[in-house]
Each structure stands twice: as C-alpha cells, then as structure tokens.
Amino acid sequence: MILFCKKNALSFKFWAFGLIICFFNTSANGQCCVPENSALRQLVQTKELSTALVGVYVYDDSSKKEIADYQGDKYFVPASNTKLFSLYAGMKYLGDSLVGIQYFENDTAIYIFPTGDPSLLHPDYQSQPVIDFLKKTNKKIYLVDKGWKENALGVGWAWDDYNEDYAIERSQFPVYGNFIRWNQQNSATRSNQAFGPTATVSSSPEISWKVRFSTDSSSKTFLVQRLMDSNVFVIRPGTETNIIQDVPFITNNLQSAINLLPDTIGKRANSINLINIKTLFSLPSVKLSGSVNSIYSRPADSVFIPMMHRSDNFFAEQTLLMVSNEQLGFMKDETIIDSLLAGPLADLPQKPSWVDGSGLSRFNLFSPRDFVSVLIKLKNEFGMDRMKKILPTGGNGTLKNYYRADSGYVFVKTGSLTGVLCLSGYIYTKNKHLLEFSILVNNHNGGSSAIRRAVEAYVEYLRKNN
C-alpha cells in the first residue's frame, strides 16, 4: 500500500497491478502524515528525524489561533520538559519565598520539621538563614521524622545512574545538595623529581564515611565511585591539574543529614518520630498549623531559575516534594500529582502519565498540547516578565550554543535523554506576537546536534513569519 496525503478530505482508491493507492488528508483529529507547511514538513523530513517520532504544536497567544499541529495530541516521553509542570506546581503553591524549616521549641529543645528545601547548605547558596538559626541556639536539636513516604530514587530511573550528579537522591531534609563534592589538585611543583606530581584529594563537606583508593593504574582520569549500597567512596587519582566531581550520597532518610550537620552547626542533632512529637505537645494535625514557626530560606525564584537554566533534576524533584509537603502534609509524588491533575491541571488536553519531578523517568508521557496548555497557564497566572527570568533564552543555560540570533525572543525548556530531544516554550515574533510551542522528538537514532539545528531552524521560521 502506498499512501499520499493531501489537504482536502478527499479519498479514492485506484486498483492497478495489485497496488492500492490512497489519497487523503487528515484523520478525524486533524493530523496528517506529511504537513502541508513547508517549514514543518522540512523539519519532520530531516534525515535524522525520518525514522523518529515527532510531535509539534504551536499556538499564537496574541491572535488566539492554532499555528501548527502535527501529532500534537499524541503522547511522548518529554525528558526534562517535565520540569515545566513541576515549575507550575512550585510557583502556584510555594509562594515568593521557600520555607527552609518549620520548628517547634520548648525550654530545652528545638524540634525541626523538614520541608524538603533543596538549598540547605547547597554550595550554590552562601546565605543560610536556617543554619544561622541553628548555630545560635543552645538547645538540643531534633529532626522530626514525619514519615518518609517516597523512595530516594524515582520511579523508572536508570539504576546505574546512582553515581551521577544528575541522579541525586531525594529526601525530606536535604543537606549539601545530597552530594559530596570531591576535588583533586595536582601540584605543579615536585618535592622530589624522582616522583610524579603530588595529588591532593579533598571533600566538601568533610566526611567520616569510609574512603578507599583504587588500585587501577590503567586510567589517567580522576574518578570517585561510590558503592551502590553504602556511603563508601573509592577514589581513582588522575593526572588532571584541578578537577571536581560531585557524587550523590545515600541519604538513609534523616541519618546522613544527622551525620553531616554537626560539622557545620557545631552541635549534634538527633531524630525523633512525629508520632512522639504529637503525643508530647498535642499537635492537632500532620500539617502542624498554628503552633509551629517557619524560617524562610530564600526567594523561590533563586531555586526555580537554576532548576530551569541548567535543568537541575534535584531542584525539580525537591520542588515537587515541597509542594506535596505544603499541600498534603507529607511528601509523595504520586499523591500530589494526582491532586494537581484533578485540580488546577484538570483541563489539560490529554491527561498525562506524570511520575516524577525532573523527567528522568521514561514512564512520563505528555503531549505537545499539554505543554502548550501549561505554558499558557504559567503566562496567565504569573506573567511573562517573571517567566522570561526563569526560562533560559538563546546563548544562556542549556541554550548556550543555540538560538543566539533569538536571544531575548525565545524562552524555552530543553529536554534530552538517549533518543529523546524536546523543546517547549515561548517565542516573541517579529510581528510582536507571542507564541507558545512544543516540539517533542522520540526514538531518534541520529545525530543530536543535527536534530537540534533542524529544530532551531523551524523555531527561527516561526519567529520570522508570525
């Protein structure tokens, strides 16, 4: 069978030599196998995309009309475009500033209720209001275990990514970004010319966990490999002059935080179960309203911006957990996602399969229309001035090498996994229209750079011709 697509919904069959030739336009949902628009047709017929799955949806927000729809209602693995939904949840429910901790105190002790704030002692942030508060107190410090209902690693995450800095464990009380920063420095001078350069390896924070040195001398590159099931780190020295590697540690619920805090606050912290706290102080509910104080850590956008600009998986995961904690009183992705999809996101064109905050999981499935819908919500509810600060533009963040001609005109979220390349965001056109768009590519087996350039050319077309 040979199929040709035409715009008009006309079809007929011609039988000759055992062949069926069928001319038709679109199916009932408005899709067509070959787009009529030349620029969109050129995109989907790009060599590297010819065997891939592609979905495109473009909406002109200024004139309130659809610009392009190619499989816009089909489901795709969106990779880090998922962060747009976590961003929406965070902006809607976390307010202008993040709650670093909630606490209750009496004459002898301070009881800290975790909120999931990812910025606590994170190396990106020098200002640490929570730590300043804990340093000042002479009371005993207890971290209250509210009952960790999540797994440290997300549903559908690749198990062998556990040592990578993009697959950091989630937790109810993150510290230091839940990773150890290892730094190797090779001295340029030698105390003895008979020996090689002197390598010094340090960690931040300092740890009391076991550290071993690898006997592998075949490689010249520095590597720190944590054992899969314990906080034991194996170091392989390299020849690099100065190199850094961030390695996730096992959080063990609150235990790793309790181990690492004393070095910074100068006093020991302990853990206590929430049930015991409620019994002691007759607290009325899991949400702990009324009798509990809050310390705010920093403006929410100071976390949202790096979350989107560098596509920070850890920040995105913790953002969704913070929303869960704020709305439900506990941290559970599945429950808060169900609540969001039944509430403010109930009007999405296609109900997605949404399983994590970052997009690391291939179980996530969204349509291009879903992304345009949430982009419109973000614009309407929070304004484009704020969105233009949170999303990277050409030449910045994950767009460092792309859209330089469109800098200040394109504001987008990228997404990539093996075989997956996605781009969703806003375009300010030369005619001063605002477009929301989503381009999702799955199952490609071609060169990622060529695909990105083909998508870039189509986005440039949209900017110039609308």
Protein backbone atom coordinates (compact mmCIF):
# COMPACT_ATOMS: atom_id res chain seq x y z
CA MET A 1 0.00 0.00 0.00
CA ILE A 2 1.27 3.47 -0.91
CA LEU A 3 -0.18 6.43 0.97
CA PHE A 4 -0.17 10.04 -0.19
CA CYS A 5 -1.59 12.86 1.96
CA LYS A 6 -3.45 15.85 0.56
CA LYS A 7 -5.08 18.72 2.36
CA ASN A 8 -8.66 18.10 1.23
CA ALA A 9 -10.57 15.31 2.92
CA LEU A 10 -10.99 13.51 -0.39
CA SER A 11 -10.14 9.86 -0.78
CA PHE A 12 -10.43 7.33 -3.52
CA LYS A 13 -8.93 4.01 -4.38
CA PHE A 14 -7.21 3.07 -7.56
CA TRP A 15 -6.55 -0.60 -8.17
CA ALA A 16 -3.75 -1.46 -10.53
CA PHE A 17 -1.21 -4.23 -10.52
CA GLY A 18 -2.24 -5.28 -7.05
CA LEU A 19 -1.41 -1.87 -5.54
CA ILE A 20 -3.78 0.30 -3.53
CA ILE A 21 -3.06 3.99 -3.85
CA CYS A 22 -4.93 6.10 -1.30
CA PHE A 23 -5.18 9.89 -1.35
CA PHE A 24 -6.43 11.56 1.80
CA ASN A 25 -5.83 14.46 4.07
CA THR A 26 -6.10 14.34 7.78
CA SER A 27 -7.66 11.93 10.19
CA ALA A 28 -10.57 13.00 12.35
CA ASN A 29 -8.25 14.57 14.92
CA GLY A 30 -6.65 16.90 12.41
CA GLN A 31 -3.37 15.01 11.94
CA CYS A 32 -1.72 14.30 8.63
CA CYS A 33 1.20 12.07 7.79
CA VAL A 34 3.00 14.89 5.93
CA PRO A 35 2.48 18.52 6.99
CA GLU A 36 1.37 20.97 4.33
CA ASN A 37 3.51 23.80 5.72
CA SER A 38 6.91 23.64 4.02
CA ALA A 39 8.94 24.59 7.10
CA LEU A 40 7.24 21.99 9.30
CA ARG A 41 7.50 19.41 6.52
CA GLN A 42 11.22 20.14 6.23
CA LEU A 43 11.60 19.61 9.98
CA VAL A 44 9.84 16.24 10.17
CA GLN A 45 11.53 15.01 6.98
CA THR A 46 15.02 15.91 8.21
CA LYS A 47 17.26 12.89 7.63
CA GLU A 48 17.91 12.36 11.33
CA LEU A 49 14.16 12.58 12.08
CA SER A 50 12.87 10.49 9.19
CA THR A 51 12.61 7.36 11.37
CA ALA A 52 11.81 9.17 14.63
CA LEU A 53 8.51 10.07 16.27
CA VAL A 54 7.80 13.81 16.17
CA GLY A 55 5.06 15.91 17.73
CA VAL A 56 4.63 19.65 17.16
CA TYR A 57 2.04 22.10 18.45
CA VAL A 58 2.24 25.89 18.08
CA TYR A 59 -0.33 28.39 19.36
CA ASP A 60 -0.49 32.12 18.66
CA ASP A 61 -1.45 33.60 22.02
CA SER A 62 -1.80 37.09 20.57
CA SER A 63 -4.37 36.20 17.91
CA LYS A 64 -5.72 33.15 19.82
CA LYS A 65 -5.32 30.71 16.97
CA GLU A 66 -3.50 27.49 16.21
CA ILE A 67 -0.41 27.87 14.02
CA ALA A 68 0.74 24.27 13.63
CA ASP A 69 -0.40 20.85 14.78
CA TYR A 70 1.49 17.71 13.84
CA GLN A 71 0.64 14.81 16.14
CA GLY A 72 0.06 17.38 18.85
CA ASP A 73 -2.31 15.12 20.77
CA LYS A 74 -0.01 12.09 20.82
CA TYR A 75 1.99 11.03 23.87
CA PHE A 76 5.77 11.41 24.03
CA VAL A 77 8.49 10.90 26.62
CA PRO A 78 9.28 14.56 27.41
CA ALA A 79 12.54 14.23 29.38
CA SER A 80 13.28 17.48 31.23
CA ASN A 81 10.33 19.30 29.69
CA THR A 82 8.54 17.63 32.63
CA LYS A 83 10.12 20.34 34.79
CA LEU A 84 7.63 22.84 33.34
CA PHE A 85 4.90 21.05 35.28
CA SER A 86 6.98 20.93 38.47
CA LEU A 87 7.70 24.63 37.97
CA TYR A 88 3.98 25.38 37.66
CA ALA A 89 3.26 23.48 40.88
CA GLY A 90 6.08 25.27 42.71
CA MET A 91 5.08 28.74 41.51
CA LYS A 92 1.44 28.11 42.37
CA TYR A 93 1.88 26.74 45.89
CA LEU A 94 5.28 27.68 47.33
CA GLY A 95 4.85 31.44 47.33
CA ASP A 96 7.57 34.04 46.81
CA SER A 97 9.94 32.53 49.41
CA LEU A 98 10.77 28.94 50.32
CA VAL A 99 10.13 27.65 53.82
CA GLY A 100 13.52 26.30 54.89
CA ILE A 101 12.24 24.61 58.04
CA GLN A 102 9.28 24.61 60.36
CA TYR A 103 10.04 24.24 64.04
CA PHE A 104 8.53 23.93 67.47
CA GLU A 105 10.51 24.64 70.62
CA ASN A 106 10.26 24.42 74.38
CA ASP A 107 12.68 25.39 77.17
CA THR A 108 15.21 22.67 76.36
CA ALA A 109 14.89 21.65 72.71
CA ILE A 110 14.08 22.69 69.15
CA TYR A 111 12.11 20.24 67.02
CA ILE A 112 12.67 20.74 63.29
CA PHE A 113 10.08 19.63 60.76
CA PRO A 114 11.63 19.07 57.31
CA THR A 115 10.11 20.86 54.32
CA GLY A 116 12.26 19.35 51.54
CA ASP A 117 14.08 22.64 50.80
CA PRO A 118 16.98 21.70 48.45
CA SER A 119 19.02 24.85 49.19
CA LEU A 120 20.07 23.97 52.76
CA LEU A 121 23.90 24.06 52.77
CA HIS A 122 23.89 23.70 48.98
CA PRO A 123 27.20 25.09 47.64
CA ASP A 124 25.33 27.44 45.29
CA TYR A 125 24.00 29.48 48.21
CA GLN A 126 26.16 31.32 50.71
CA SER A 127 23.27 32.78 52.68
CA GLN A 128 21.90 30.12 55.04
CA PRO A 129 19.24 31.51 57.41
CA VAL A 130 18.36 28.05 58.77
CA ILE A 131 21.99 27.30 59.67
CA ASP A 132 22.39 30.73 61.26
CA PHE A 133 19.35 29.98 63.43
CA LEU A 134 20.65 26.55 64.47
CA LYS A 135 24.11 27.89 65.28
CA LYS A 136 22.72 30.45 67.68
CA THR A 137 20.66 28.12 69.82
CA ASN A 138 21.97 26.38 72.92
CA LYS A 139 19.04 23.97 72.96
CA LYS A 140 19.10 20.36 71.83
CA ILE A 141 18.18 19.89 68.18
CA TYR A 142 15.85 17.17 66.96
CA LEU A 143 14.95 16.43 63.34
CA VAL A 144 11.37 15.20 63.29
CA ASP A 145 10.82 12.19 61.03
CA LYS A 146 7.43 12.97 59.52
CA GLY A 147 7.32 9.59 57.85
CA TRP A 148 9.21 9.45 54.54
CA LYS A 149 6.66 8.05 52.08
CA GLU A 150 8.83 8.28 48.95
CA ASN A 151 11.77 6.31 47.59
CA ALA A 152 15.11 8.08 47.39
CA LEU A 153 15.28 7.35 43.65
CA GLY A 154 12.34 7.98 41.33
CA VAL A 155 10.09 5.52 39.54
CA GLY A 156 11.70 4.42 36.28
CA TRP A 157 15.12 5.96 36.93
CA ALA A 158 18.07 4.03 35.49
CA TRP A 159 19.66 2.05 38.33
CA ASP A 160 23.21 2.52 37.05
CA ASP A 161 22.94 6.32 37.21
CA TYR A 162 23.21 6.25 41.01
CA ASN A 163 26.76 7.67 40.96
CA GLU A 164 25.93 10.52 38.57
CA ASP A 165 25.31 14.10 39.68
CA TYR A 166 22.07 14.25 37.68
CA ALA A 167 20.51 11.38 39.68
CA ILE A 168 20.86 12.69 43.24
CA GLU A 169 18.72 11.06 45.89
CA ARG A 170 15.57 12.81 47.09
CA SER A 171 14.93 13.27 50.79
CA GLN A 172 12.74 15.10 53.28
CA PHE A 173 15.71 17.02 54.74
CA PRO A 174 18.40 17.56 52.09
CA VAL A 175 21.80 18.90 53.12
CA TYR A 176 24.71 19.96 50.88
CA GLY A 177 22.54 19.17 47.87
CA ASN A 178 22.69 15.48 48.90
CA PHE A 179 26.09 15.10 47.26
CA ILE A 180 29.77 15.18 48.20
CA ARG A 181 31.98 17.47 46.12
CA TRP A 182 35.34 15.83 45.54
CA ASN A 183 38.28 17.92 44.37
CA GLN A 184 41.62 16.65 43.13
CA GLN A 185 44.52 19.08 42.74
CA ASN A 186 47.91 18.11 41.34
CA SER A 187 50.76 20.31 42.49
CA ALA A 188 52.84 21.81 39.69
CA THR A 189 55.96 21.56 41.84
CA ARG A 190 57.58 18.32 42.98
CA SER A 191 59.34 17.85 46.27
CA ASN A 192 61.39 15.08 44.66
CA GLN A 193 61.99 14.99 40.90
CA ALA A 194 62.15 11.20 41.03
CA PHE A 195 58.44 11.13 41.78
CA GLY A 196 55.41 12.41 39.88
CA PRO A 197 53.24 15.38 40.82
CA THR A 198 51.66 15.29 44.26
CA ALA A 199 47.89 14.76 44.13
CA THR A 200 45.68 16.09 46.92
CA VAL A 201 42.05 14.97 47.17
CA SER A 202 39.56 16.74 49.43
CA SER A 203 35.83 16.57 50.00
CA SER A 204 33.20 19.16 50.81
CA PRO A 205 31.74 18.62 53.30
CA GLU A 206 34.31 16.63 55.20
CA ILE A 207 33.02 13.15 55.90
CA SER A 208 33.61 10.37 58.37
CA TRP A 209 32.44 7.73 55.89
CA LYS A 210 34.90 5.20 54.51
CA VAL A 211 37.18 6.25 51.66
CA ARG A 212 39.38 3.91 49.67
CA PHE A 213 41.88 4.43 46.87
CA SER A 214 41.59 2.39 43.72
CA THR A 215 44.41 0.11 42.62
CA ASP A 216 43.54 0.75 38.97
CA SER A 217 46.56 2.41 37.36
CA SER A 218 45.48 1.92 33.74
CA SER A 219 43.46 5.15 33.55
CA LYS A 220 44.78 8.70 33.75
CA THR A 221 41.44 10.29 34.68
CA PHE A 222 40.18 11.18 38.14
CA LEU A 223 37.10 9.26 39.29
CA VAL A 224 35.19 8.82 42.52
CA GLN A 225 32.88 5.83 42.57
CA ARG A 226 30.51 5.28 45.47
CA LEU A 227 29.50 1.74 46.33
CA MET A 228 25.92 1.19 45.26
CA ASP A 229 24.54 0.20 48.64
CA SER A 230 26.64 2.20 51.11
CA ASN A 231 28.44 5.50 51.64
CA VAL A 232 31.85 4.07 50.82
CA PHE A 233 33.77 6.06 48.21
CA VAL A 234 36.53 4.64 46.01
CA ILE A 235 38.93 7.25 44.58
CA ARG A 236 40.97 6.75 41.43
CA PRO A 237 43.59 9.51 41.14
CA GLY A 238 44.12 11.15 37.76
CA THR A 239 46.62 13.42 36.08
CA GLU A 240 44.31 16.45 35.90
CA THR A 241 45.66 19.64 37.49
CA ASN A 242 42.36 20.62 39.11
CA ILE A 243 39.13 18.66 38.74
CA ILE A 244 35.84 18.41 40.61
CA GLN A 245 33.32 15.58 40.74
CA ASP A 246 30.00 15.67 42.58
CA VAL A 247 28.91 12.25 43.84
CA PRO A 248 25.48 11.61 45.41
CA PHE A 249 25.46 10.08 48.86
CA ILE A 250 22.89 7.67 50.27
CA THR A 251 20.55 9.76 52.39
CA ASN A 252 19.27 6.94 54.63
CA ASN A 253 16.20 9.07 55.33
CA LEU A 254 17.41 11.56 58.00
CA GLN A 255 20.54 9.69 59.06
CA SER A 256 23.03 11.19 56.60
CA ALA A 257 21.80 14.70 57.40
CA ILE A 258 22.28 13.99 61.11
CA ASN A 259 25.82 12.75 60.39
CA LEU A 260 26.79 15.79 58.33
CA LEU A 261 25.16 18.65 60.26
CA PRO A 262 27.43 18.75 63.37
CA ASP A 263 30.47 19.79 61.34
CA THR A 264 28.61 22.93 60.28
CA ILE A 265 26.39 23.91 63.21
CA GLY A 266 28.85 22.84 65.90
CA LYS A 267 26.43 20.62 67.78
CA ARG A 268 24.85 17.23 67.47
CA ALA A 269 21.39 16.70 66.02
CA ASN A 270 19.14 13.76 66.78
CA SER A 271 15.98 12.38 65.21
CA ILE A 272 12.57 11.81 66.75
CA ASN A 273 9.38 10.32 65.34
CA LEU A 274 6.46 12.60 64.51
CA ILE A 275 4.04 10.44 66.50
CA ASN A 276 6.10 11.01 69.64
CA ILE A 277 6.14 14.76 69.00
CA LYS A 278 2.38 14.95 68.56
CA THR A 279 1.89 12.99 71.76
CA LEU A 280 4.28 15.22 73.71
CA PHE A 281 2.84 18.54 72.54
CA SER A 282 -0.71 17.59 71.49
CA LEU A 283 -0.18 18.94 67.98
CA PRO A 284 -3.53 18.70 66.18
CA SER A 285 -2.60 17.61 62.68
CA VAL A 286 0.12 16.38 60.38
CA LYS A 287 0.19 19.80 58.71
CA LEU A 288 1.31 21.28 62.05
CA SER A 289 -0.56 24.54 61.59
CA GLY A 290 -0.79 27.13 64.33
CA SER A 291 1.82 26.11 66.88
CA VAL A 292 4.74 25.80 64.51
CA ASN A 293 7.07 28.59 63.35
CA SER A 294 8.76 28.89 59.96
CA ILE A 295 12.15 30.11 58.80
CA TYR A 296 12.28 31.16 55.16
CA SER A 297 15.47 30.28 53.34
CA ARG A 298 15.44 32.33 50.14
CA PRO A 299 13.32 33.66 47.26
CA ALA A 300 11.66 30.83 45.38
CA ASP A 301 12.92 32.07 42.02
CA SER A 302 16.52 31.70 43.20
CA VAL A 303 15.86 27.95 43.06
CA PHE A 304 13.50 27.96 40.07
CA ILE A 305 15.97 29.80 37.82
CA PRO A 306 18.85 27.28 38.12
CA MET A 307 16.28 24.49 38.03
CA MET A 308 15.33 25.59 34.52
CA HIS A 309 18.55 27.20 33.25
CA ARG A 310 20.79 24.20 33.96
CA SER A 311 17.91 21.70 34.08
CA ASP A 312 18.66 20.75 37.68
CA ASN A 313 16.95 17.42 38.38
CA PHE A 314 17.47 17.60 42.14
CA PHE A 315 15.87 21.04 42.46
CA ALA A 316 12.91 19.89 40.36
CA GLU A 317 12.38 16.74 42.41
CA GLN A 318 12.55 18.61 45.70
CA THR A 319 10.23 21.34 44.37
CA LEU A 320 7.51 18.77 43.75
CA LEU A 321 8.12 17.23 47.19
CA MET A 322 7.91 20.66 48.82
CA VAL A 323 4.56 21.23 47.12
CA SER A 324 3.39 17.85 48.40
CA ASN A 325 4.51 18.74 51.91
CA GLU A 326 2.80 22.14 51.74
CA GLN A 327 -0.48 20.86 50.32
CA LEU A 328 -0.77 17.42 51.90
CA GLY A 329 1.46 17.46 54.96
CA PHE A 330 3.67 14.66 53.63
CA MET A 331 5.95 14.05 50.63
CA LYS A 332 4.66 11.69 47.97
CA ASP A 333 4.93 12.30 44.22
CA GLU A 334 2.06 10.07 43.17
CA THR A 335 -0.40 11.65 45.59
CA ILE A 336 0.45 15.27 44.84
CA ILE A 337 0.50 14.60 41.08
CA ASP A 338 -2.98 13.05 41.29
CA SER A 339 -4.13 16.10 43.26
CA LEU A 340 -2.70 18.52 40.70
CA LEU A 341 -4.21 16.64 37.75
CA ALA A 342 -7.59 16.61 39.46
CA GLY A 343 -7.31 20.29 40.41
CA PRO A 344 -5.55 23.14 38.58
CA LEU A 345 -4.39 20.85 35.75
CA ALA A 346 -7.71 19.05 35.23
CA ASP A 347 -8.29 20.86 31.91
CA LEU A 348 -5.16 19.56 30.15
CA PRO A 349 -5.98 18.44 26.59
CA GLN A 350 -4.60 14.93 27.22
CA LYS A 351 -4.25 13.53 30.74
CA PRO A 352 -0.52 12.78 31.06
CA SER A 353 1.29 9.93 32.71
CA TRP A 354 3.32 12.00 35.15
CA VAL A 355 5.54 10.15 37.64
CA ASP A 356 8.43 12.36 38.79
CA GLY A 357 9.51 15.98 39.13
CA SER A 358 12.54 16.05 36.87
CA GLY A 359 11.74 13.99 33.78
CA LEU A 360 14.44 11.39 34.43
CA SER A 361 11.84 8.64 34.16
CA ARG A 362 10.78 7.27 30.79
CA PHE A 363 7.41 6.48 32.36
CA ASN A 364 6.48 10.16 31.89
CA LEU A 365 4.20 10.67 28.88
CA PHE A 366 2.87 14.08 27.81
CA SER A 367 1.52 15.53 24.58
CA PRO A 368 2.73 18.72 22.86
CA ARG A 369 -0.73 20.18 23.51
CA ASP A 370 -0.25 19.53 27.25
CA PHE A 371 2.92 21.62 27.26
CA VAL A 372 1.33 24.49 25.39
CA SER A 373 -1.53 24.36 27.87
CA VAL A 374 0.76 24.63 30.91
CA LEU A 375 2.80 27.37 29.21
CA ILE A 376 -0.39 29.40 28.78
CA LYS A 377 -1.22 28.82 32.45
CA LEU A 378 2.24 29.96 33.52
CA LYS A 379 1.94 33.10 31.42
CA ASN A 380 -1.58 33.93 32.57
CA GLU A 381 -1.04 33.25 36.27
CA PHE A 382 2.49 34.55 36.81
CA GLY A 383 3.21 36.91 33.91
CA MET A 384 5.76 36.89 31.13
CA ASP A 385 8.15 39.22 32.93
CA ARG A 386 8.71 36.54 35.56
CA MET A 387 8.76 33.68 33.05
CA LYS A 388 11.44 35.43 30.96
CA LYS A 389 13.69 35.46 34.01
CA ILE A 390 13.08 31.83 34.94
CA LEU A 391 13.44 30.26 31.49
CA PRO A 392 16.75 30.42 29.58
CA THR A 393 16.96 32.36 26.34
CA GLY A 394 19.35 31.98 23.42
CA GLY A 395 23.02 31.73 24.36
CA ASN A 396 22.28 31.02 28.04
CA GLY A 397 21.99 27.95 30.25
CA THR A 398 21.03 24.83 28.31
CA LEU A 399 20.76 27.06 25.20
CA LYS A 400 24.37 28.21 25.47
CA ASN A 401 25.25 27.16 21.93
CA TYR A 402 21.84 27.67 20.33
CA TYR A 403 19.32 30.40 19.46
CA ARG A 404 21.91 33.13 19.67
CA ALA A 405 20.08 35.05 16.96
CA ASP A 406 16.91 34.63 19.01
CA SER A 407 18.36 35.75 22.33
CA GLY A 408 15.67 37.75 24.07
CA TYR A 409 13.00 36.39 21.74
CA VAL A 410 12.94 32.69 22.64
CA PHE A 411 12.41 31.45 26.21
CA VAL A 412 12.28 27.68 26.48
CA LYS A 413 12.88 24.49 28.41
CA THR A 414 15.02 21.83 26.79
CA GLY A 415 14.84 18.10 27.44
CA SER A 416 17.04 15.20 26.43
CA LEU A 417 17.52 11.51 27.07
CA THR A 418 19.03 8.90 24.78
CA GLY A 419 16.80 9.01 21.69
CA VAL A 420 14.79 11.94 23.07
CA LEU A 421 15.06 15.67 22.28
CA CYS A 422 12.38 18.13 23.34
CA LEU A 423 11.84 21.88 23.36
CA SER A 424 8.86 23.77 24.77
CA GLY A 425 8.45 27.45 25.50
CA TYR A 426 7.69 30.91 24.18
CA ILE A 427 8.60 32.83 21.02
CA TYR A 428 8.26 36.58 20.53
CA THR A 429 7.85 37.01 16.78
CA LYS A 430 8.99 39.86 14.55
CA ASN A 431 5.35 40.91 14.29
CA LYS A 432 5.28 41.15 18.10
CA HIS A 433 3.09 38.13 18.59
CA LEU A 434 3.62 35.71 21.48
CA LEU A 435 3.66 32.03 20.54
CA GLU A 436 3.59 29.02 22.86
CA PHE A 437 5.06 25.92 21.26
CA SER A 438 6.18 22.38 21.98
CA ILE A 439 8.37 20.15 19.82
CA LEU A 440 8.84 16.61 21.13
CA VAL A 441 11.13 14.10 19.40
CA ASN A 442 11.27 10.46 20.49
CA ASN A 443 13.05 7.35 19.24
CA HIS A 444 15.57 9.16 17.11
CA ASN A 445 18.75 7.31 16.24
CA GLY A 446 20.52 10.16 14.52
CA GLY A 447 22.89 12.94 15.47
CA SER A 448 21.54 15.06 18.32
CA SER A 449 23.34 18.17 17.08
CA ALA A 450 21.75 17.93 13.63
CA ILE A 451 18.30 17.49 15.17
CA ARG A 452 18.79 20.49 17.44
CA ARG A 453 19.83 22.60 14.45
CA ALA A 454 16.77 21.45 12.49
CA VAL A 455 14.50 22.39 15.40
CA GLU A 456 16.34 25.69 15.73
CA ALA A 457 15.71 26.44 12.04
CA TYR A 458 11.99 25.78 12.49
CA VAL A 459 11.80 28.00 15.57
CA GLU A 460 13.57 30.74 13.63
CA TYR A 461 10.97 30.32 10.86
CA LEU A 462 8.16 30.73 13.40
CA ARG A 463 9.77 33.87 14.75
CA LYS A 464 10.15 35.49 11.33
CA ASN A 465 6.82 34.50 9.83
CA ASN A 466 4.20 35.14 12.51
